[in-house]
C-alpha atoms as a PDB file:
ATOM      1  CA  UNK A   1      -8.780 -26.588   4.826  1.00  0.00           C
ATOM      2  CA  UNK A   2      -7.241 -24.149   1.601  1.00  0.00           C
ATOM      3  CA  UNK A   3      -5.493 -26.580  -0.978  1.00  0.00           C
ATOM      4  CA  UNK A   4      -2.122 -27.634   0.662  1.00  0.00           C
ATOM      5  CA  UNK A   5       0.678 -25.769  -1.924  1.00  0.00           C
ATOM      6  CA  UNK A   6      -1.571 -22.430  -1.958  1.00  0.00           C
ATOM      7  CA  UNK A   7       0.036 -19.432  -0.489  1.00  0.00           C
ATOM      8  CA  UNK A   8      -1.610 -16.432   0.697  1.00  0.00           C
ATOM      9  CA  UNK A   9       0.978 -13.495  -0.892  1.00  0.00           C
ATOM     10  CA  UNK A  10       0.782 -11.225   2.120  1.00  0.00           C
ATOM     11  CA  UNK A  11       0.478  -8.402  -0.748  1.00  0.00           C
ATOM     12  CA  UNK A  12      -3.652  -9.425  -1.113  1.00  0.00           C
ATOM     13  CA  UNK A  13      -4.339  -8.290   2.215  1.00  0.00           C
ATOM     14  CA  UNK A  14      -2.781  -5.535   2.460  1.00  0.00           C
ATOM     15  CA  UNK A  15      -3.776  -3.489   4.948  1.00  0.00           C
ATOM     16  CA  UNK A  16      -3.342  -6.028   7.722  1.00  0.00           C
ATOM     17  CA  UNK A  17      -0.249  -5.929   9.895  1.00  0.00           C
ATOM     18  CA  UNK A  18       2.220  -9.085  10.139  1.00  0.00           C
ATOM     19  CA  UNK A  19       0.187 -10.688  13.038  1.00  0.00           C
ATOM     20  CA  UNK A  20      -3.093 -10.195  11.084  1.00  0.00           C
ATOM     21  CA  UNK A  21      -1.872 -11.496   8.495  1.00  0.00           C
ATOM     22  CA  UNK A  22      -0.189 -14.433  10.064  1.00  0.00           C
ATOM     23  CA  UNK A  23      -4.116 -15.242  11.832  1.00  0.00           C
ATOM     24  CA  UNK A  24      -6.238 -14.604   9.126  1.00  0.00           C
ATOM     25  CA  UNK A  25      -4.019 -17.228   6.960  1.00  0.00           C
ATOM     26  CA  UNK A  26      -3.775 -19.326   9.509  1.00  0.00           C
ATOM     27  CA  UNK A  27      -8.029 -19.438  10.814  1.00  0.00           C
ATOM     28  CA  UNK A  28      -9.067 -20.072   6.495  1.00  0.00           C
ATOM     29  CA  UNK A  29      -6.720 -23.288   6.469  1.00  0.00           C
ATOM     30  CA  UNK A  30      -3.754 -21.863   4.353  1.00  0.00           C
ATOM     31  CA  UNK A  31      -0.643 -23.288   5.518  1.00  0.00           C
ATOM     32  CA  UNK A  32       1.703 -21.423   3.985  1.00  0.00           C
ATOM     33  CA  UNK A  33       2.064 -16.992   3.553  1.00  0.00           C
ATOM     34  CA  UNK A  34       4.200 -15.059   1.304  1.00  0.00           C
ATOM     35  CA  UNK A  35       5.229 -12.121   3.306  1.00  0.00           C
ATOM     36  CA  UNK A  36       6.402  -8.903   2.250  1.00  0.00           C
ATOM     37  CA  UNK A  37       9.717  -6.896   3.794  1.00  0.00           C
ATOM     38  CA  UNK A  38       7.531  -3.253   4.873  1.00  0.00           C
ATOM     39  CA  UNK A  39       5.152  -4.901   7.134  1.00  0.00           C
ATOM     40  CA  UNK A  40       8.488  -7.353   8.842  1.00  0.00           C
ATOM     41  CA  UNK A  41      10.318  -4.321   9.468  1.00  0.00           C
ATOM     42  CA  UNK A  42       7.432  -2.185  11.057  1.00  0.00           C
ATOM     43  CA  UNK A  43       7.091  -4.929  13.344  1.00  0.00           C
ATOM     44  CA  UNK A  44      10.597  -5.464  14.359  1.00  0.00           C
ATOM     45  CA  UNK A  45      12.538  -8.462  12.999  1.00  0.00           C
ATOM     46  CA  UNK A  46      12.761 -10.056  17.087  1.00  0.00           C
ATOM     47  CA  UNK A  47       8.730  -9.681  17.382  1.00  0.00           C
ATOM     48  CA  UNK A  48       7.778 -10.821  13.619  1.00  0.00           C
ATOM     49  CA  UNK A  49      10.478 -13.958  13.681  1.00  0.00           C
ATOM     50  CA  UNK A  50       8.150 -15.280  17.068  1.00  0.00           C
ATOM     51  CA  UNK A  51       5.133 -14.715  14.920  1.00  0.00           C
ATOM     52  CA  UNK A  52       5.998 -16.514  11.771  1.00  0.00           C
ATOM     53  CA  UNK A  53       6.937 -19.699  13.933  1.00  0.00           C
ATOM     54  CA  UNK A  54       3.885 -19.164  16.462  1.00  0.00           C
ATOM     55  CA  UNK A  55       1.612 -19.190  13.431  1.00  0.00           C
ATOM     56  CA  UNK A  56       2.767 -22.646  12.157  1.00  0.00           C
ATOM     57  CA  UNK A  57       2.364 -21.517   8.470  1.00  0.00           C
ATOM     58  CA  UNK A  58       5.415 -21.889   5.911  1.00  0.00           C
ATOM     59  CA  UNK A  59       7.007 -19.017   4.191  1.00  0.00           C
ATOM     60  CA  UNK A  60       6.892 -19.451   0.460  1.00  0.00           C
ATOM     61  CA  UNK A  61       8.625 -16.565   0.017  1.00  0.00           C
ATOM     62  CA  UNK A  62       9.839 -12.729   0.432  1.00  0.00           C
ATOM     63  CA  UNK A  63       8.537  -9.423  -1.426  1.00  0.00           C
ATOM     64  CA  UNK A  64      10.860  -8.210  -2.364  1.00  0.00           C
ATOM     65  CA  UNK A  65      14.455  -6.748  -3.283  1.00  0.00           C
ATOM     66  CA  UNK A  66      15.624  -5.244  -6.247  1.00  0.00           C
ATOM     67  CA  UNK A  67      15.413  -1.769  -7.788  1.00  0.00           C
ATOM     68  CA  UNK A  68      18.754  -1.453  -8.707  1.00  0.00           C
ATOM     69  CA  UNK A  69      19.277  -0.037 -12.272  1.00  0.00           C
ATOM     70  CA  UNK A  70      20.456   2.944 -10.937  1.00  0.00           C
ATOM     71  CA  UNK A  71      23.943   5.144 -12.268  1.00  0.00           C
ATOM     72  CA  UNK A  72      27.086   4.310 -10.180  1.00  0.00           C
ATOM     73  CA  UNK A  73      26.650   5.925  -7.062  1.00  0.00           C
ATOM     74  CA  UNK A  74      25.168   6.714  -3.406  1.00  0.00           C
ATOM     75  CA  UNK A  75      21.536   5.560  -4.722  1.00  0.00           C
ATOM     76  CA  UNK A  76      22.875   2.714  -6.123  1.00  0.00           C
ATOM     77  CA  UNK A  77      24.710   1.366  -3.617  1.00  0.00           C
ATOM     78  CA  UNK A  78      22.111   1.733  -0.972  1.00  0.00           C
ATOM     79  CA  UNK A  79      20.448  -0.803  -3.482  1.00  0.00           C
ATOM     80  CA  UNK A  80      22.933  -2.815  -3.163  1.00  0.00           C
ATOM     81  CA  UNK A  81      22.821  -2.470   1.174  1.00  0.00           C
ATOM     82  CA  UNK A  82      19.464  -3.149   1.602  1.00  0.00           C
ATOM     83  CA  UNK A  83      19.004  -5.918  -1.157  1.00  0.00           C
ATOM     84  CA  UNK A  84      21.841  -7.272   1.726  1.00  0.00           C
ATOM     85  CA  UNK A  85      19.597  -6.640   3.857  1.00  0.00           C
ATOM     86  CA  UNK A  86      16.232  -8.300   2.263  1.00  0.00           C
ATOM     87  CA  UNK A  87      19.010 -11.589   2.068  1.00  0.00           C
ATOM     88  CA  UNK A  88      19.674 -11.089   5.733  1.00  0.00           C
ATOM     89  CA  UNK A  89      15.957 -10.677   6.587  1.00  0.00           C
ATOM     90  CA  UNK A  90      14.575 -13.706   4.338  1.00  0.00           C
ATOM     91  CA  UNK A  91      17.155 -16.359   5.920  1.00  0.00           C
ATOM     92  CA  UNK A  92      15.317 -15.317   9.250  1.00  0.00           C
ATOM     93  CA  UNK A  93      12.093 -15.590   7.601  1.00  0.00           C
ATOM     94  CA  UNK A  94      12.123 -18.849   6.082  1.00  0.00           C
ATOM     95  CA  UNK A  95      14.068 -20.286   9.113  1.00  0.00           C
ATOM     96  CA  UNK A  96      10.779 -19.002  11.727  1.00  0.00           C
ATOM     97  CA  UNK A  97       8.614 -20.779   9.201  1.00  0.00           C
ATOM     98  CA  UNK A  98       7.662 -24.246   9.444  1.00  0.00           C
ATOM     99  CA  UNK A  99       8.755 -27.183   7.716  1.00  0.00           C
ATOM    100  CA  UNK A 100       9.238 -26.665   4.187  1.00  0.00           C
ATOM    101  CA  UNK A 101       9.685 -22.786   4.452  1.00  0.00           C
ATOM    102  CA  UNK A 102      11.688 -21.664   1.193  1.00  0.00           C
ATOM    103  CA  UNK A 103      14.302 -18.791   1.873  1.00  0.00           C
ATOM    104  CA  UNK A 104      13.379 -17.112  -1.583  1.00  0.00           C
ATOM    105  CA  UNK A 105      13.881 -13.191  -2.419  1.00  0.00           C
ATOM    106  CA  UNK A 106      11.969 -12.319  -5.012  1.00  0.00           C
ATOM    107  CA  UNK A 107      14.060  -9.203  -6.834  1.00  0.00           C
ATOM    108  CA  UNK A 108      11.900  -6.848  -8.843  1.00  0.00           C
ATOM    109  CA  UNK A 109      14.728  -5.320 -11.179  1.00  0.00           C
ATOM    110  CA  UNK A 110      13.463  -1.388 -11.163  1.00  0.00           C
ATOM    111  CA  UNK A 111      13.453   0.983 -14.010  1.00  0.00           C
ATOM    112  CA  UNK A 112      14.795   3.311 -16.176  1.00  0.00           C
ATOM    113  CA  UNK A 113      16.769   5.830 -13.892  1.00  0.00           C
ATOM    114  CA  UNK A 114      15.709   9.438 -14.274  1.00  0.00           C
ATOM    115  CA  UNK A 115      16.033  11.254 -17.395  1.00  0.00           C
ATOM    116  CA  UNK A 116      17.541   7.303 -18.771  1.00  0.00           C
ATOM    117  CA  UNK A 117      16.446   6.175 -22.571  1.00  0.00           C
ATOM    118  CA  UNK A 118      19.181   3.451 -21.686  1.00  0.00           C
ATOM    119  CA  UNK A 119      17.502  -0.081 -21.531  1.00  0.00           C
ATOM    120  CA  UNK A 120      20.263  -2.185 -22.125  1.00  0.00           C
ATOM    121  CA  UNK A 121      21.902  -0.624 -19.744  1.00  0.00           C
ATOM    122  CA  UNK A 122      19.756  -0.664 -17.187  1.00  0.00           C
ATOM    123  CA  UNK A 123      18.851  -4.197 -17.832  1.00  0.00           C
ATOM    124  CA  UNK A 124      22.851  -4.865 -17.494  1.00  0.00           C
ATOM    125  CA  UNK A 125      23.123  -3.449 -14.313  1.00  0.00           C
ATOM    126  CA  UNK A 126      21.009  -5.821 -12.876  1.00  0.00           C
ATOM    127  CA  UNK A 127      23.128  -8.639 -13.350  1.00  0.00           C
ATOM    128  CA  UNK A 128      26.101  -6.555 -12.189  1.00  0.00           C
ATOM    129  CA  UNK A 129      23.934  -5.956  -9.059  1.00  0.00           C
ATOM    130  CA  UNK A 130      23.387  -9.700  -8.472  1.00  0.00           C
ATOM    131  CA  UNK A 131      26.577 -10.654  -9.079  1.00  0.00           C
ATOM    132  CA  UNK A 132      27.129  -8.453  -6.157  1.00  0.00           C
ATOM    133  CA  UNK A 133      24.446 -10.432  -3.584  1.00  0.00           C
ATOM    134  CA  UNK A 134      25.178 -14.132  -4.677  1.00  0.00           C
ATOM    135  CA  UNK A 135      28.153 -14.852  -1.968  1.00  0.00           C
ATOM    136  CA  UNK A 136      25.871 -13.251   0.106  1.00  0.00           C
ATOM    137  CA  UNK A 137      22.786 -15.124  -0.724  1.00  0.00           C
ATOM    138  CA  UNK A 138      25.305 -18.344  -1.059  1.00  0.00           C
ATOM    139  CA  UNK A 139      26.501 -18.011   2.517  1.00  0.00           C
ATOM    140  CA  UNK A 140      22.350 -17.876   3.681  1.00  0.00           C
ATOM    141  CA  UNK A 141      21.029 -20.292   2.041  1.00  0.00           C
ATOM    142  CA  UNK A 142      18.727 -17.707   0.415  1.00  0.00           C
ATOM    143  CA  UNK A 143      17.797 -18.184  -3.591  1.00  0.00           C
ATOM    144  CA  UNK A 144      17.040 -14.311  -5.487  1.00  0.00           C
ATOM    145  CA  UNK A 145      14.133 -14.708  -7.641  1.00  0.00           C
ATOM    146  CA  UNK A 146      14.272 -12.559 -10.611  1.00  0.00           C
ATOM    147  CA  UNK A 147      10.817 -11.831 -11.364  1.00  0.00           C
ATOM    148  CA  UNK A 148      10.120 -10.425 -15.107  1.00  0.00           C
ATOM    149  CA  UNK A 149       7.197  -8.052 -14.869  1.00  0.00           C
ATOM    150  CA  UNK A 150       4.647  -7.278 -18.147  1.00  0.00           C
ATOM    151  CA  UNK A 151       6.191  -4.490 -19.895  1.00  0.00           C
ATOM    152  CA  UNK A 152       3.811  -2.544 -19.403  1.00  0.00           C
ATOM    153  CA  UNK A 153       6.222  -1.606 -16.109  1.00  0.00           C
ATOM    154  CA  UNK A 154       9.367  -1.288 -18.211  1.00  0.00           C
ATOM    155  CA  UNK A 155       9.949   2.223 -17.593  1.00  0.00           C
ATOM    156  CA  UNK A 156       8.883   2.433 -13.896  1.00  0.00           C
ATOM    157  CA  UNK A 157       9.427  -0.948 -12.174  1.00  0.00           C
ATOM    158  CA  UNK A 158      11.438  -3.378 -14.230  1.00  0.00           C
ATOM    159  CA  UNK A 159      13.114  -3.981 -17.612  1.00  0.00           C
ATOM    160  CA  UNK A 160      13.181  -7.393 -17.322  1.00  0.00           C
ATOM    161  CA  UNK A 161      10.096  -8.304 -18.958  1.00  0.00           C
ATOM    162  CA  UNK A 162      10.031 -11.754 -20.354  1.00  0.00           C
ATOM    163  CA  UNK A 163      11.135 -14.757 -18.308  1.00  0.00           C
ATOM    164  CA  UNK A 164      13.291 -15.493 -21.230  1.00  0.00           C
ATOM    165  CA  UNK A 165      15.106 -12.477 -20.113  1.00  0.00           C
ATOM    166  CA  UNK A 166      15.494 -13.462 -16.239  1.00  0.00           C
ATOM    167  CA  UNK A 167      16.790 -16.273 -17.258  1.00  0.00           C
ATOM    168  CA  UNK A 168      19.451 -14.755 -19.696  1.00  0.00           C
ATOM    169  CA  UNK A 169      20.561 -13.338 -16.031  1.00  0.00           C
ATOM    170  CA  UNK A 170      20.096 -15.864 -13.463  1.00  0.00           C
ATOM    171  CA  UNK A 171      21.912 -18.548 -15.367  1.00  0.00           C
ATOM    172  CA  UNK A 172      25.462 -16.567 -15.096  1.00  0.00           C
ATOM    173  CA  UNK A 173      25.192 -17.838 -11.384  1.00  0.00           C
ATOM    174  CA  UNK A 174      24.568 -20.545  -9.308  1.00  0.00           C
ATOM    175  CA  UNK A 175      21.048 -21.974  -9.591  1.00  0.00           C
ATOM    176  CA  UNK A 176      20.831 -22.560  -5.503  1.00  0.00           C
ATOM    177  CA  UNK A 177      21.747 -18.605  -5.212  1.00  0.00           C
ATOM    178  CA  UNK A 178      19.789 -17.186  -8.331  1.00  0.00           C
ATOM    179  CA  UNK A 179      16.285 -18.234  -9.972  1.00  0.00           C
ATOM    180  CA  UNK A 180      12.945 -16.895 -11.473  1.00  0.00           C
ATOM    181  CA  UNK A 181       9.830 -16.284 -10.593  1.00  0.00           C
ATOM    182  CA  UNK A 182       6.812 -17.434 -12.826  1.00  0.00           C
ATOM    183  CA  UNK A 183       4.085 -14.809 -12.609  1.00  0.00           C
ATOM    184  CA  UNK A 184       0.642 -15.441 -14.787  1.00  0.00           C
ATOM    185  CA  UNK A 185      -0.111 -11.781 -14.598  1.00  0.00           C
ATOM    186  CA  UNK A 186       3.155 -10.677 -15.977  1.00  0.00           C
ATOM    187  CA  UNK A 187       3.855 -13.785 -18.069  1.00  0.00           C
ATOM    188  CA  UNK A 188       0.727 -15.204 -19.643  1.00  0.00           C
ATOM    189  CA  UNK A 189       1.043 -13.209 -23.170  1.00  0.00           C
ATOM    190  CA  UNK A 190       4.261 -14.777 -23.866  1.00  0.00           C
ATOM    191  CA  UNK A 191       3.990 -17.315 -26.747  1.00  0.00           C
ATOM    192  CA  UNK A 192       7.105 -18.350 -25.943  1.00  0.00           C
ATOM    193  CA  UNK A 193       6.348 -19.485 -22.061  1.00  0.00           C
ATOM    194  CA  UNK A 194       6.288 -22.713 -22.241  1.00  0.00           C
ATOM    195  CA  UNK A 195       9.405 -23.277 -23.470  1.00  0.00           C
ATOM    196  CA  UNK A 196      10.654 -21.010 -21.282  1.00  0.00           C
ATOM    197  CA  UNK A 197       9.244 -22.360 -18.201  1.00  0.00           C
ATOM    198  CA  UNK A 198      10.423 -25.995 -19.436  1.00  0.00           C
ATOM    199  CA  UNK A 199      14.223 -24.124 -20.049  1.00  0.00           C
ATOM    200  CA  UNK A 200      13.595 -22.624 -15.873  1.00  0.00           C
ATOM    201  CA  UNK A 201      13.187 -26.249 -15.112  1.00  0.00           C
ATOM    202  CA  UNK A 202      16.001 -27.968 -16.570  1.00  0.00           C
ATOM    203  CA  UNK A 203      18.035 -25.682 -14.851  1.00  0.00           C
ATOM    204  CA  UNK A 204      16.602 -25.701 -11.453  1.00  0.00           C
ATOM    205  CA  UNK A 205      15.716 -22.219 -11.059  1.00  0.00           C
ATOM    206  CA  UNK A 206      11.832 -22.301 -10.303  1.00  0.00           C
ATOM    207  CA  UNK A 207      12.198 -20.839  -7.237  1.00  0.00           C
ATOM    208  CA  UNK A 208       8.506 -19.114  -7.249  1.00  0.00           C
ATOM    209  CA  UNK A 209       5.179 -19.445  -8.838  1.00  0.00           C
ATOM    210  CA  UNK A 210       2.467 -16.592  -8.488  1.00  0.00           C
ATOM    211  CA  UNK A 211      -0.824 -16.704 -10.112  1.00  0.00           C
ATOM    212  CA  UNK A 212      -3.474 -14.353 -10.281  1.00  0.00           C
ATOM    213  CA  UNK A 213      -6.150 -13.333 -13.164  1.00  0.00           C
ATOM    214  CA  UNK A 214      -5.435 -10.515 -15.886  1.00  0.00           C
ATOM    215  CA  UNK A 215      -9.009  -9.080 -17.187  1.00  0.00           C
ATOM    216  CA  UNK A 216      -9.712  -5.556 -19.295  1.00  0.00           C
ATOM    217  CA  UNK A 217     -10.598  -2.564 -18.692  1.00  0.00           C
ATOM    218  CA  UNK A 218      -6.776  -2.003 -16.591  1.00  0.00           C
ATOM    219  CA  UNK A 219      -7.576   0.667 -14.044  1.00  0.00           C
ATOM    220  CA  UNK A 220      -5.897   4.291 -14.492  1.00  0.00           C
ATOM    221  CA  UNK A 221      -2.794   2.754 -12.076  1.00  0.00           C
ATOM    222  CA  UNK A 222      -2.217  -0.268 -13.535  1.00  0.00           C
ATOM    223  CA  UNK A 223      -0.492  -1.789 -10.737  1.00  0.00           C
ATOM    224  CA  UNK A 224      -3.550  -2.696  -8.841  1.00  0.00           C
ATOM    225  CA  UNK A 225      -5.036  -4.205 -12.137  1.00  0.00           C
ATOM    226  CA  UNK A 226      -4.602  -8.219 -10.997  1.00  0.00           C
ATOM    227  CA  UNK A 227      -7.960  -9.936 -10.183  1.00  0.00           C
ATOM    228  CA  UNK A 228      -8.329 -12.956  -8.383  1.00  0.00           C
ATOM    229  CA  UNK A 229      -7.858 -16.271 -10.184  1.00  0.00           C
ATOM    230  CA  UNK A 230     -11.055 -17.050 -12.622  1.00  0.00           C
ATOM    231  CA  UNK A 231     -12.413 -13.267 -12.737  1.00  0.00           C
ATOM    232  CA  UNK A 232      -9.970 -12.799 -16.420  1.00  0.00           C
ATOM    233  CA  UNK A 233      -8.907 -14.407 -19.071  1.00  0.00           C
ATOM    234  CA  UNK A 234      -5.852 -16.174 -18.874  1.00  0.00           C
ATOM    235  CA  UNK A 235      -6.243 -20.039 -18.761  1.00  0.00           C
ATOM    236  CA  UNK A 236      -4.148 -21.438 -15.885  1.00  0.00           C
ATOM    237  CA  UNK A 237      -4.102 -24.816 -17.033  1.00  0.00           C
ATOM    238  CA  UNK A 238      -1.263 -24.757 -19.374  1.00  0.00           C
ATOM    239  CA  UNK A 239       0.994 -22.905 -17.266  1.00  0.00           C
ATOM    240  CA  UNK A 240       0.730 -24.847 -14.539  1.00  0.00           C
ATOM    241  CA  UNK A 241       1.064 -28.462 -16.142  1.00  0.00           C
ATOM    242  CA  UNK A 242       4.234 -26.861 -17.071  1.00  0.00           C
ATOM    243  CA  UNK A 243       5.426 -25.492 -13.839  1.00  0.00           C
ATOM    244  CA  UNK A 244       4.826 -28.739 -12.851  1.00  0.00           C
ATOM    245  CA  UNK A 245       6.247 -30.910 -15.528  1.00  0.00           C
ATOM    246  CA  UNK A 246       9.558 -28.783 -14.771  1.00  0.00           C
ATOM    247  CA  UNK A 247      10.181 -29.986 -11.572  1.00  0.00           C
ATOM    248  CA  UNK A 248       8.334 -27.290  -9.110  1.00  0.00           C
ATOM    249  CA  UNK A 249       6.944 -28.990  -6.308  1.00  0.00           C
ATOM    250  CA  UNK A 250       6.975 -25.607  -4.018  1.00  0.00           C
ATOM    251  CA  UNK A 251       3.727 -23.448  -2.748  1.00  0.00           C
ATOM    252  CA  UNK A 252       1.572 -21.548  -5.432  1.00  0.00           C
ATOM    253  CA  UNK A 253       1.118 -18.072  -4.432  1.00  0.00           C
ATOM    254  CA  UNK A 254      -1.946 -15.556  -5.019  1.00  0.00           C
ATOM    255  CA  UNK A 255      -0.290 -12.551  -4.885  1.00  0.00           C
ATOM    256  CA  UNK A 256      -2.947  -9.607  -6.070  1.00  0.00           C
ATOM    257  CA  UNK A 257      -3.101  -5.507  -6.574  1.00  0.00           C
ATOM    258  CA  UNK A 258      -6.282  -4.512  -6.911  1.00  0.00           C
ATOM    259  CA  UNK A 259      -8.045  -1.507  -4.316  1.00  0.00           C
ATOM    260  CA  UNK A 260     -11.197  -3.502  -4.167  1.00  0.00           C
ATOM    261  CA  UNK A 261      -9.738  -6.259  -2.745  1.00  0.00           C
ATOM    262  CA  UNK A 262      -7.947  -4.602  -0.823  1.00  0.00           C
ATOM    263  CA  UNK A 263     -10.947  -2.462   0.657  1.00  0.00           C
ATOM    264  CA  UNK A 264     -12.084  -6.161   1.561  1.00  0.00           C
ATOM    265  CA  UNK A 265     -12.208  -7.602   5.094  1.00  0.00           C
ATOM    266  CA  UNK A 266      -8.932  -9.437   5.097  1.00  0.00           C
ATOM    267  CA  UNK A 267     -10.625 -12.868   6.459  1.00  0.00           C
ATOM    268  CA  UNK A 268     -13.247 -12.858   3.038  1.00  0.00           C
ATOM    269  CA  UNK A 269     -10.155 -11.875   0.565  1.00  0.00           C
ATOM    270  CA  UNK A 270      -8.638 -15.142   2.417  1.00  0.00           C
ATOM    271  CA  UNK A 271     -11.203 -17.069   1.582  1.00  0.00           C
ATOM    272  CA  UNK A 272     -12.551 -15.770  -1.748  1.00  0.00           C
ATOM    273  CA  UNK A 273      -8.797 -16.640  -2.703  1.00  0.00           C
ATOM    274  CA  UNK A 274      -9.002 -20.456  -1.722  1.00  0.00           C
ATOM    275  CA  UNK A 275     -12.393 -20.289  -3.414  1.00  0.00           C
ATOM    276  CA  UNK A 276     -10.891 -19.147  -6.577  1.00  0.00           C
ATOM    277  CA  UNK A 277      -8.015 -21.065  -6.178  1.00  0.00           C
ATOM    278  CA  UNK A 278      -9.916 -24.029  -6.119  1.00  0.00           C
ATOM    279  CA  UNK A 279     -12.116 -23.568  -9.308  1.00  0.00           C
ATOM    280  CA  UNK A 280      -9.358 -22.014 -11.759  1.00  0.00           C
ATOM    281  CA  UNK A 281      -5.895 -23.895 -10.814  1.00  0.00           C
ATOM    282  CA  UNK A 282      -5.970 -26.648  -8.264  1.00  0.00           C
ATOM    283  CA  UNK A 283      -7.736 -28.532 -11.049  1.00  0.00           C
ATOM    284  CA  UNK A 284      -4.265 -29.241 -12.687  1.00  0.00           C
ATOM    285  CA  UNK A 285      -2.113 -30.182  -9.306  1.00  0.00           C
ATOM    286  CA  UNK A 286      -2.153 -33.458  -7.663  1.00  0.00           C
END
């Protein structure tokens, strides 16, 4: 069996369909999985719900909502509606998962709209969008989890770059409705990261803890630059201790975007992930 808190985020075995991902995760000894919306939607909600329930796995999170930085208009309305659907999907998957599943919807804010340089305005619209979603999140028991992404993604993927910025937004709303994601890949570089993790914990806002490693040189497609824990330069010990000290007791997801890993057999990648986690992250865990 793997470490009891280890969750395999479905992105790590991207090419596996939902049924295969659940089987591989369970066969490798995991107790928890982080789901992605696209494979769930491709399977169909009724079939996906049955598969998750039959798997016996906890659901640690659903990825992803967000991308709501467009200016007001049809595109923004579509994004808001899609996020409401994502909330419903998250609630359904968490309900189907084993005891201890978490109804957490990871939010990636979105980048600058086309031809825009208004970074401040884009960040403001993230908060405005979440304000439209909070009542639906509360009604369904879903916690929206703002994930800050590394600043290299600010123009095209996430105008929220630091844990402090994510908390500035989330703290405008009830903690049970809006929290944050602590992802080592995105925030390991931030000199204020440990202080911000403590701040997040004090407010009960750590919705998810995700780990993977950073190594240079980065590939041409920087989206695919994540590595197994221990294969890069991130010191997982201080952040992991800080997350635990902040009161987080949920699963810890390994989420990796890496073409070489995606091209690996899913079962091999799941086993390698568990081995890497045991060496790099588990020594800090109870």
